[in-house]
Amino acid sequence: MTAQARKILEQALSLQDDDRQRLAEALLDSIPAEVAEELEKAWNAEALRRTQAYERGEAEAIDGEQAAKDLRAKLSEARGR
């Protein structure tokens, strides 16, 4: 990621939730349809893989709020580097 993109990302992350959501949707809408289709296929395959791993007992489910908290902490840590 370029320095400019990192700066924009930091600014975007400081926005209110509804503004971040609108921005994310606008960015996703700007992706060419062919690329978006491939991304959707990849996300669906990943969701299926994770579901199957969970059902086989190879993965455990964690609370969504805790997962988001952990990700925010990792992001803060990465920014501090």
Protein backbone atom coordinates (compact mmCIF):
# COMPACT_ATOMS: atom_id res chain seq x y z
CA MET A 1 0.00 0.00 0.00
CA THR A 2 1.36 3.40 -0.90
CA ALA A 3 1.87 6.15 1.66
CA GLN A 4 -1.01 8.07 0.09
CA ALA A 5 -3.34 5.07 0.36
CA ARG A 6 -2.29 4.50 4.00
CA LYS A 7 -3.06 8.14 4.79
CA ILE A 8 -6.48 7.86 3.15
CA LEU A 9 -7.14 4.63 5.03
CA GLU A 10 -6.27 6.23 8.36
CA GLN A 11 -8.57 9.15 7.57
CA ALA A 12 -11.36 6.77 6.51
CA LEU A 13 -11.01 4.73 9.69
CA SER A 14 -11.56 7.85 11.75
CA LEU A 15 -14.97 8.48 10.13
CA GLN A 16 -18.27 7.67 11.80
CA ASP A 17 -19.59 4.16 11.16
CA ASP A 18 -22.23 5.23 8.63
CA ASP A 19 -19.73 7.30 6.64
CA ARG A 20 -17.23 4.42 6.61
CA GLN A 21 -19.96 2.09 5.38
CA ARG A 22 -20.93 4.45 2.56
CA LEU A 23 -17.30 4.90 1.60
CA ALA A 24 -16.68 1.15 1.58
CA GLU A 25 -19.76 0.60 -0.57
CA ALA A 26 -18.66 3.31 -3.01
CA LEU A 27 -15.20 1.75 -3.28
CA LEU A 28 -16.67 -1.71 -3.87
CA ASP A 29 -19.01 -0.30 -6.50
CA SER A 30 -16.00 1.14 -8.32
CA ILE A 31 -14.50 -2.32 -8.89
CA PRO A 32 -15.07 -3.67 -12.42
CA ALA A 33 -17.90 -6.23 -12.59
CA GLU A 34 -15.58 -9.07 -13.66
CA VAL A 35 -13.28 -8.47 -10.70
CA ALA A 36 -16.24 -8.14 -8.33
CA GLU A 37 -17.59 -11.50 -9.50
CA GLU A 38 -14.24 -13.16 -8.87
CA LEU A 39 -14.04 -11.56 -5.43
CA GLU A 40 -17.53 -12.77 -4.58
CA LYS A 41 -16.65 -16.31 -5.68
CA ALA A 42 -13.50 -16.20 -3.55
CA TRP A 43 -15.40 -14.94 -0.49
CA ASN A 44 -18.08 -17.62 -0.96
CA ALA A 45 -15.44 -20.33 -1.26
CA GLU A 46 -13.72 -19.05 1.88
CA ALA A 47 -17.00 -18.95 3.80
CA LEU A 48 -17.74 -22.52 2.75
CA ARG A 49 -14.22 -23.64 3.70
CA ARG A 50 -14.54 -22.06 7.14
CA THR A 51 -18.01 -23.50 7.72
CA GLN A 52 -16.81 -26.97 6.80
CA ALA A 53 -13.75 -26.63 9.06
CA TYR A 54 -16.01 -25.58 11.93
CA GLU A 55 -18.37 -28.50 11.31
CA ARG A 56 -15.43 -30.92 11.29
CA GLY A 57 -14.24 -29.49 14.62
CA GLU A 58 -11.07 -28.03 13.08
CA ALA A 59 -12.01 -24.45 13.91
CA GLU A 60 -13.79 -22.80 16.78
CA ALA A 61 -16.24 -19.95 16.72
CA ILE A 62 -15.44 -16.82 18.67
CA ASP A 63 -17.64 -13.92 19.69
CA GLY A 64 -17.92 -11.33 16.92
CA GLU A 65 -17.41 -8.40 19.28
CA GLN A 66 -14.27 -10.00 20.68
CA ALA A 67 -12.96 -10.73 17.19
CA ALA A 68 -13.50 -7.09 16.18
CA LYS A 69 -11.79 -5.92 19.37
CA ASP A 70 -8.81 -8.18 18.67
CA LEU A 71 -8.57 -6.94 15.07
CA ARG A 72 -8.69 -3.31 16.19
CA ALA A 73 -5.88 -4.01 18.67
CA LYS A 74 -3.78 -5.63 15.94
CA LEU A 75 -4.42 -2.69 13.63
CA SER A 76 -3.41 -0.22 16.34
CA GLU A 77 -0.28 -2.24 17.00
CA ALA A 78 0.59 -2.31 13.28
CA ARG A 79 0.11 1.44 13.02
CA GLY A 80 2.49 1.96 15.93
CA ARG A 81 5.31 0.19 14.13
